Amino acid sequence: MLFLYILVLIPVNIFLFIQIGKLFFDDMDHFWECVKLDLRPDIFSFFKGELGKDWAAEFRLGAFGILCGIIILIEVGIGAVIF
């Protein structure tokens, strides 16, 4: 039964994560640009004059990750109660 629960949650999570991603990012190119800016050290962004853009991208990516993590924690809690 647990296997069925996990099997159902995989496509549901993919759908939910895509919908949440649409709230934060305009398209996939914007998402990957945020990832690129997140991986770039802040000092490089400072010297390029893109520090504000870098911080905004890091915030968007972090908020997206936190919301997706909260969804997974809720699902694990529900699964723990059911099983």
C-alpha atoms as a PDB file:
ATOM      1  CA  MET A   1       0.000   0.000   0.000  1.00  0.00           C
ATOM      2  CA  LEU A   2       2.898   2.350   0.742  1.00  0.00           C
ATOM      3  CA  PHE A   3       4.305   1.624  -2.717  1.00  0.00           C
ATOM      4  CA  LEU A   4       0.984   2.666  -4.281  1.00  0.00           C
ATOM      5  CA  TYR A   5       0.979   5.870  -2.198  1.00  0.00           C
ATOM      6  CA  ILE A   6       4.460   6.757  -3.436  1.00  0.00           C
ATOM      7  CA  LEU A   7       3.557   5.798  -7.002  1.00  0.00           C
ATOM      8  CA  VAL A   8       0.576   8.172  -6.946  1.00  0.00           C
ATOM      9  CA  LEU A   9       2.560  11.005  -5.371  1.00  0.00           C
ATOM     10  CA  ILE A  10       5.277  11.078  -8.027  1.00  0.00           C
ATOM     11  CA  PRO A  11       3.108  12.481 -10.865  1.00  0.00           C
ATOM     12  CA  VAL A  12       1.158  14.648  -8.409  1.00  0.00           C
ATOM     13  CA  ASN A  13       4.412  16.193  -7.131  1.00  0.00           C
ATOM     14  CA  ILE A  14       5.715  16.776 -10.636  1.00  0.00           C
ATOM     15  CA  PHE A  15       2.501  18.615 -11.499  1.00  0.00           C
ATOM     16  CA  LEU A  16       2.583  20.654  -8.266  1.00  0.00           C
ATOM     17  CA  PHE A  17       6.252  21.588  -8.634  1.00  0.00           C
ATOM     18  CA  ILE A  18       5.672  22.760 -12.212  1.00  0.00           C
ATOM     19  CA  GLN A  19       2.728  24.894 -11.098  1.00  0.00           C
ATOM     20  CA  ILE A  20       4.719  26.409  -8.233  1.00  0.00           C
ATOM     21  CA  GLY A  21       7.600  27.022 -10.633  1.00  0.00           C
ATOM     22  CA  LYS A  22       5.269  28.971 -12.914  1.00  0.00           C
ATOM     23  CA  LEU A  23       4.532  31.332 -10.015  1.00  0.00           C
ATOM     24  CA  PHE A  24       8.220  32.162  -9.542  1.00  0.00           C
ATOM     25  CA  PHE A  25       9.717  31.858 -13.027  1.00  0.00           C
ATOM     26  CA  ASP A  26       8.511  33.089 -16.412  1.00  0.00           C
ATOM     27  CA  ASP A  27       9.871  30.078 -18.302  1.00  0.00           C
ATOM     28  CA  MET A  28      12.568  27.418 -18.067  1.00  0.00           C
ATOM     29  CA  ASP A  29      15.226  29.829 -19.345  1.00  0.00           C
ATOM     30  CA  HIS A  30      14.465  32.149 -16.428  1.00  0.00           C
ATOM     31  CA  PHE A  31      14.720  29.193 -14.030  1.00  0.00           C
ATOM     32  CA  TRP A  32      18.121  28.151 -15.382  1.00  0.00           C
ATOM     33  CA  GLU A  33      19.352  31.732 -15.272  1.00  0.00           C
ATOM     34  CA  CYS A  34      18.400  31.844 -11.576  1.00  0.00           C
ATOM     35  CA  VAL A  35      20.316  28.600 -11.032  1.00  0.00           C
ATOM     36  CA  LYS A  36      23.334  30.056 -12.841  1.00  0.00           C
ATOM     37  CA  LEU A  37      23.203  33.236 -10.761  1.00  0.00           C
ATOM     38  CA  ASP A  38      22.788  31.208  -7.579  1.00  0.00           C
ATOM     39  CA  LEU A  39      25.938  29.226  -8.313  1.00  0.00           C
ATOM     40  CA  ARG A  40      27.977  32.338  -9.173  1.00  0.00           C
ATOM     41  CA  PRO A  41      29.846  33.805  -6.184  1.00  0.00           C
ATOM     42  CA  ASP A  42      28.400  37.127  -5.026  1.00  0.00           C
ATOM     43  CA  ILE A  43      31.716  38.898  -5.397  1.00  0.00           C
ATOM     44  CA  PHE A  44      31.664  38.243  -9.165  1.00  0.00           C
ATOM     45  CA  SER A  45      28.122  39.607  -9.379  1.00  0.00           C
ATOM     46  CA  PHE A  46      29.225  42.658  -7.399  1.00  0.00           C
ATOM     47  CA  PHE A  47      32.015  43.469  -9.835  1.00  0.00           C
ATOM     48  CA  LYS A  48      29.705  42.893 -12.821  1.00  0.00           C
ATOM     49  CA  GLY A  49      27.122  45.237 -11.300  1.00  0.00           C
ATOM     50  CA  GLU A  50      24.494  42.496 -11.028  1.00  0.00           C
ATOM     51  CA  LEU A  51      24.423  42.001  -7.270  1.00  0.00           C
ATOM     52  CA  GLY A  52      20.735  42.964  -6.886  1.00  0.00           C
ATOM     53  CA  LYS A  53      19.760  40.675  -9.748  1.00  0.00           C
ATOM     54  CA  ASP A  54      21.827  37.883  -8.183  1.00  0.00           C
ATOM     55  CA  TRP A  55      20.178  38.262  -4.780  1.00  0.00           C
ATOM     56  CA  ALA A  56      16.696  38.346  -6.328  1.00  0.00           C
ATOM     57  CA  ALA A  57      17.451  35.157  -8.262  1.00  0.00           C
ATOM     58  CA  GLU A  58      18.770  33.455  -5.128  1.00  0.00           C
ATOM     59  CA  PHE A  59      15.642  34.470  -3.221  1.00  0.00           C
ATOM     60  CA  ARG A  60      13.319  33.125  -5.941  1.00  0.00           C
ATOM     61  CA  LEU A  61      15.162  29.834  -6.128  1.00  0.00           C
ATOM     62  CA  GLY A  62      15.267  29.491  -2.346  1.00  0.00           C
ATOM     63  CA  ALA A  63      11.559  30.264  -1.927  1.00  0.00           C
ATOM     64  CA  PHE A  64      10.736  27.746  -4.672  1.00  0.00           C
ATOM     65  CA  GLY A  65      12.818  25.070  -2.940  1.00  0.00           C
ATOM     66  CA  ILE A  66      11.293  25.783   0.462  1.00  0.00           C
ATOM     67  CA  LEU A  67       7.727  25.545  -0.878  1.00  0.00           C
ATOM     68  CA  CYS A  68       8.492  22.266  -2.649  1.00  0.00           C
ATOM     69  CA  GLY A  69      10.085  20.942   0.537  1.00  0.00           C
ATOM     70  CA  ILE A  70       7.036  21.924   2.593  1.00  0.00           C
ATOM     71  CA  ILE A  71       4.803  19.985   0.201  1.00  0.00           C
ATOM     72  CA  ILE A  72       6.978  16.892   0.587  1.00  0.00           C
ATOM     73  CA  LEU A  73       6.942  17.204   4.394  1.00  0.00           C
ATOM     74  CA  ILE A  74       3.140  17.462   4.398  1.00  0.00           C
ATOM     75  CA  GLU A  75       2.901  14.364   2.231  1.00  0.00           C
ATOM     76  CA  VAL A  76       5.284  12.439   4.494  1.00  0.00           C
ATOM     77  CA  GLY A  77       3.189  13.481   7.516  1.00  0.00           C
ATOM     78  CA  ILE A  78       0.004  12.290   5.837  1.00  0.00           C
ATOM     79  CA  GLY A  79       1.700   9.036   4.880  1.00  0.00           C
ATOM     80  CA  ALA A  80       2.883   8.527   8.450  1.00  0.00           C
ATOM     81  CA  VAL A  81      -0.668   8.941   9.760  1.00  0.00           C
ATOM     82  CA  ILE A  82      -2.168   6.608   7.151  1.00  0.00           C
ATOM     83  CA  PHE A  83       0.475   3.902   7.372  1.00  0.00           C
END
